């Protein structure tokens, strides 16, 4: 069987904050958007979807977790990563 990655959907607490990173810094193209709820991004041959997590999955009274999701996506760059990180 020959499978190719089509896309990844991340359930997140703050779509807008992650939009700043993926669109603002990494300059991924927005394919579809429902403000503060859903964002679909073009990431090469695949897509990344950012979907606001439902309140029923969050623990009431808990401070937001340090990271906005538990999935990490790895990117490769020929640029100086230390210079790029200064902008974020």
N, C-alpha and C. Protein backbone atom coordinates (compact mmCIF):
# COMPACT_ATOMS: atom_id res chain seq x y z
N UNK A 1 0.84 -1.17 0.00
CA UNK A 1 0.00 0.00 0.00
C UNK A 1 0.89 1.25 0.00
N UNK A 2 0.59 2.19 -0.86
CA UNK A 2 1.35 3.42 -0.97
C UNK A 2 0.48 4.57 -0.46
N UNK A 3 0.77 5.08 0.73
CA UNK A 3 0.01 6.17 1.32
C UNK A 3 0.82 7.45 1.30
N UNK A 4 0.12 8.57 1.11
CA UNK A 4 0.77 9.88 1.17
C UNK A 4 0.00 10.73 2.16
N UNK A 5 0.71 11.50 2.94
CA UNK A 5 0.08 12.38 3.90
C UNK A 5 -0.74 13.44 3.17
N UNK A 6 -2.02 13.54 3.50
CA UNK A 6 -2.87 14.57 2.91
C UNK A 6 -2.97 15.78 3.82
N UNK A 7 -3.11 15.52 5.12
CA UNK A 7 -3.23 16.64 6.03
C UNK A 7 -3.23 16.20 7.48
N UNK A 8 -3.05 17.18 8.35
CA UNK A 8 -3.05 16.97 9.79
C UNK A 8 -4.02 17.99 10.38
N UNK A 9 -4.87 17.56 11.31
CA UNK A 9 -5.75 18.48 12.02
C UNK A 9 -5.31 18.51 13.47
N UNK A 10 -5.06 19.71 13.97
CA UNK A 10 -4.67 19.90 15.36
C UNK A 10 -5.83 20.56 16.10
N UNK A 11 -6.23 19.97 17.22
CA UNK A 11 -7.25 20.56 18.07
C UNK A 11 -6.54 21.44 19.08
N UNK A 12 -6.82 22.74 19.06
CA UNK A 12 -6.05 23.72 19.82
C UNK A 12 -6.95 24.63 20.65
N UNK A 13 -6.35 25.29 21.63
CA UNK A 13 -7.10 26.23 22.47
C UNK A 13 -7.24 27.60 21.81
N UNK A 14 -6.23 28.05 21.08
CA UNK A 14 -6.21 29.41 20.55
C UNK A 14 -5.79 29.41 19.08
N UNK A 15 -6.77 29.36 18.20
CA UNK A 15 -6.50 29.33 16.75
C UNK A 15 -5.77 30.60 16.32
N UNK A 16 -6.18 31.74 16.84
CA UNK A 16 -5.59 33.01 16.43
C UNK A 16 -4.11 33.10 16.79
N UNK A 17 -3.75 32.62 17.96
CA UNK A 17 -2.34 32.66 18.38
C UNK A 17 -1.49 31.79 17.45
N UNK A 18 -1.98 30.61 17.13
CA UNK A 18 -1.23 29.73 16.24
C UNK A 18 -1.21 30.26 14.81
N UNK A 19 -2.24 30.99 14.42
CA UNK A 19 -2.26 31.62 13.09
C UNK A 19 -1.09 32.59 12.97
N UNK A 20 -0.81 33.34 14.05
CA UNK A 20 0.33 34.27 14.04
C UNK A 20 1.62 33.53 13.69
N UNK A 21 1.79 32.32 14.25
CA UNK A 21 3.00 31.55 14.01
C UNK A 21 3.03 30.96 12.60
N UNK A 22 2.00 30.20 12.23
CA UNK A 22 2.01 29.49 10.96
C UNK A 22 1.88 30.41 9.75
N UNK A 23 1.09 31.47 9.87
CA UNK A 23 0.91 32.40 8.75
C UNK A 23 1.90 33.55 8.84
N UNK A 24 2.01 34.14 10.03
CA UNK A 24 2.89 35.30 10.20
C UNK A 24 4.36 34.97 10.06
N UNK A 25 4.81 33.92 10.73
CA UNK A 25 6.23 33.58 10.72
C UNK A 25 6.59 32.60 9.60
N UNK A 26 5.87 31.49 9.51
CA UNK A 26 6.20 30.49 8.50
C UNK A 26 5.62 30.81 7.12
N UNK A 27 4.72 31.77 7.07
CA UNK A 27 4.12 32.26 5.83
C UNK A 27 3.39 31.17 5.04
N UNK A 28 2.68 30.28 5.76
CA UNK A 28 1.87 29.28 5.08
C UNK A 28 0.62 29.97 4.52
N UNK A 29 0.14 29.48 3.40
CA UNK A 29 -1.02 30.05 2.72
C UNK A 29 -2.31 29.57 3.37
N UNK A 30 -3.24 30.51 3.59
CA UNK A 30 -4.55 30.16 4.14
C UNK A 30 -5.44 29.66 3.01
N UNK A 31 -5.98 28.45 3.15
CA UNK A 31 -6.89 27.88 2.17
C UNK A 31 -8.34 28.10 2.57
N UNK A 32 -8.59 28.11 3.87
CA UNK A 32 -9.95 28.21 4.39
C UNK A 32 -9.87 28.75 5.81
N UNK A 33 -10.83 29.61 6.18
CA UNK A 33 -10.79 30.16 7.54
C UNK A 33 -12.18 30.46 8.06
N UNK A 34 -12.42 30.09 9.29
CA UNK A 34 -13.58 30.51 10.07
C UNK A 34 -12.97 31.16 11.31
N UNK A 35 -12.92 32.48 11.38
CA UNK A 35 -12.16 33.19 12.41
C UNK A 35 -12.33 32.63 13.82
N UNK A 36 -11.18 32.42 14.46
CA UNK A 36 -11.07 31.94 15.84
C UNK A 36 -11.59 30.51 16.06
N UNK A 37 -12.04 29.83 14.99
CA UNK A 37 -12.60 28.48 15.12
C UNK A 37 -11.89 27.44 14.27
N UNK A 38 -11.51 27.81 13.04
CA UNK A 38 -10.97 26.85 12.08
C UNK A 38 -10.04 27.57 11.11
N UNK A 39 -8.91 26.94 10.81
CA UNK A 39 -7.97 27.50 9.85
C UNK A 39 -7.34 26.33 9.10
N UNK A 40 -7.40 26.36 7.78
CA UNK A 40 -6.79 25.33 6.95
C UNK A 40 -5.65 25.97 6.16
N UNK A 41 -4.46 25.40 6.30
CA UNK A 41 -3.25 25.96 5.72
C UNK A 41 -2.63 25.01 4.72
N UNK A 42 -2.05 25.57 3.66
CA UNK A 42 -1.30 24.78 2.69
C UNK A 42 0.12 24.62 3.22
N UNK A 43 0.57 23.38 3.35
CA UNK A 43 1.91 23.09 3.87
C UNK A 43 2.58 22.14 2.89
N UNK A 44 3.05 22.67 1.78
CA UNK A 44 3.63 21.83 0.74
C UNK A 44 2.55 21.00 0.10
N UNK A 45 2.76 19.68 0.03
CA UNK A 45 1.78 18.79 -0.59
C UNK A 45 0.65 18.42 0.37
N UNK A 46 0.74 18.83 1.62
CA UNK A 46 -0.27 18.49 2.62
C UNK A 46 -0.92 19.76 3.17
N UNK A 47 -1.89 19.57 4.05
CA UNK A 47 -2.53 20.70 4.71
C UNK A 47 -2.41 20.53 6.22
N UNK A 48 -2.50 21.65 6.92
CA UNK A 48 -2.56 21.65 8.37
C UNK A 48 -3.85 22.37 8.75
N UNK A 49 -4.70 21.69 9.50
CA UNK A 49 -5.94 22.29 9.98
C UNK A 49 -5.81 22.60 11.46
N UNK A 50 -6.20 23.80 11.85
CA UNK A 50 -6.21 24.20 13.26
C UNK A 50 -7.68 24.34 13.66
N UNK A 51 -8.14 23.49 14.56
CA UNK A 51 -9.54 23.43 14.95
C UNK A 51 -9.65 23.75 16.43
N UNK A 52 -10.48 24.74 16.79
CA UNK A 52 -10.63 25.11 18.20
C UNK A 52 -11.23 23.93 18.95
N UNK A 53 -10.60 23.57 20.05
CA UNK A 53 -11.06 22.46 20.87
C UNK A 53 -12.34 22.88 21.61
N UNK A 54 -13.26 21.95 21.76
CA UNK A 54 -14.52 22.22 22.45
C UNK A 54 -14.32 22.40 23.94
N UNK A 55 -15.12 23.26 24.55
CA UNK A 55 -15.01 23.54 25.98
C UNK A 55 -15.16 22.28 26.82
N UNK A 56 -15.91 21.29 26.32
CA UNK A 56 -16.11 20.07 27.09
C UNK A 56 -14.83 19.26 27.26
N UNK A 57 -13.80 19.57 26.48
CA UNK A 57 -12.53 18.86 26.58
C UNK A 57 -11.51 19.61 27.43
N UNK A 58 -11.86 20.79 27.90
CA UNK A 58 -10.96 21.58 28.74
C UNK A 58 -11.38 21.43 30.19
N UNK A 59 -10.42 21.42 31.09
CA UNK A 59 -10.72 21.33 32.51
C UNK A 59 -11.01 22.72 33.05
N UNK A 60 -12.21 22.94 33.61
CA UNK A 60 -12.57 24.28 34.12
C UNK A 60 -11.61 24.73 35.23
N UNK A 61 -11.29 26.02 35.21
CA UNK A 61 -10.44 26.58 36.25
C UNK A 61 -8.96 26.34 36.06
N UNK A 62 -8.57 25.56 35.07
CA UNK A 62 -7.16 25.29 34.82
C UNK A 62 -6.58 26.39 33.93
N UNK A 63 -5.37 26.81 34.25
CA UNK A 63 -4.66 27.77 33.39
C UNK A 63 -4.33 27.07 32.07
N UNK A 64 -4.27 27.82 30.97
CA UNK A 64 -3.91 27.20 29.69
C UNK A 64 -2.55 26.50 29.80
N UNK A 65 -2.46 25.38 29.14
CA UNK A 65 -1.21 24.63 29.10
C UNK A 65 -0.17 25.47 28.39
N UNK A 66 1.09 25.30 28.73
CA UNK A 66 2.18 26.10 28.15
C UNK A 66 2.17 26.03 26.63
N UNK A 67 1.93 24.87 26.06
CA UNK A 67 1.85 24.72 24.61
C UNK A 67 0.39 24.61 24.23
N UNK A 68 0.04 25.03 23.03
CA UNK A 68 -1.35 25.08 22.62
C UNK A 68 -1.88 23.76 22.08
N UNK A 69 -1.03 22.76 21.92
CA UNK A 69 -1.47 21.45 21.46
C UNK A 69 -0.42 20.42 21.83
N UNK A 70 -0.73 19.17 21.64
CA UNK A 70 0.23 18.12 22.00
C UNK A 70 0.86 17.46 20.78
N UNK A 71 0.71 18.05 19.64
CA UNK A 71 1.29 17.53 18.41
C UNK A 71 2.33 18.51 17.90
N UNK A 72 3.45 18.01 17.49
CA UNK A 72 4.49 18.86 16.94
C UNK A 72 4.70 18.51 15.47
N UNK A 73 4.88 19.53 14.65
CA UNK A 73 5.14 19.34 13.23
C UNK A 73 6.55 19.81 12.97
N UNK A 74 7.31 19.03 12.26
CA UNK A 74 8.71 19.34 12.01
C UNK A 74 8.87 19.95 10.62
N UNK A 75 9.56 21.08 10.57
CA UNK A 75 9.86 21.76 9.32
C UNK A 75 11.37 21.82 9.14
N UNK A 76 11.81 21.87 7.90
CA UNK A 76 13.22 22.00 7.59
C UNK A 76 13.44 23.34 6.90
N UNK A 77 14.53 24.00 7.23
CA UNK A 77 14.83 25.28 6.60
C UNK A 77 16.32 25.40 6.33
N UNK A 78 16.66 26.13 5.29
CA UNK A 78 18.06 26.40 4.98
C UNK A 78 18.49 27.71 5.63
N UNK A 79 17.52 28.43 6.22
CA UNK A 79 17.82 29.71 6.87
C UNK A 79 18.44 29.48 8.24
N UNK A 80 19.05 30.52 8.77
CA UNK A 80 19.62 30.49 10.12
C UNK A 80 18.47 30.45 11.12
N UNK A 81 18.27 29.30 11.75
CA UNK A 81 17.14 29.11 12.65
C UNK A 81 17.17 30.08 13.83
N UNK A 82 18.34 30.46 14.28
CA UNK A 82 18.45 31.41 15.40
C UNK A 82 17.96 32.80 14.96
N UNK A 83 18.23 33.18 13.75
CA UNK A 83 17.74 34.47 13.23
C UNK A 83 16.23 34.44 13.07
N UNK A 84 15.69 33.32 12.59
CA UNK A 84 14.25 33.18 12.41
C UNK A 84 13.53 33.24 13.76
N UNK A 85 14.09 32.60 14.78
CA UNK A 85 13.45 32.55 16.11
C UNK A 85 13.34 33.92 16.75
N UNK A 86 14.19 34.86 16.39
CA UNK A 86 14.14 36.21 16.98
C UNK A 86 12.81 36.91 16.67
N UNK A 87 12.13 36.50 15.60
CA UNK A 87 10.88 37.14 15.19
C UNK A 87 9.68 36.56 15.91
N UNK A 88 9.85 35.49 16.66
CA UNK A 88 8.71 34.85 17.32
C UNK A 88 8.84 34.92 18.82
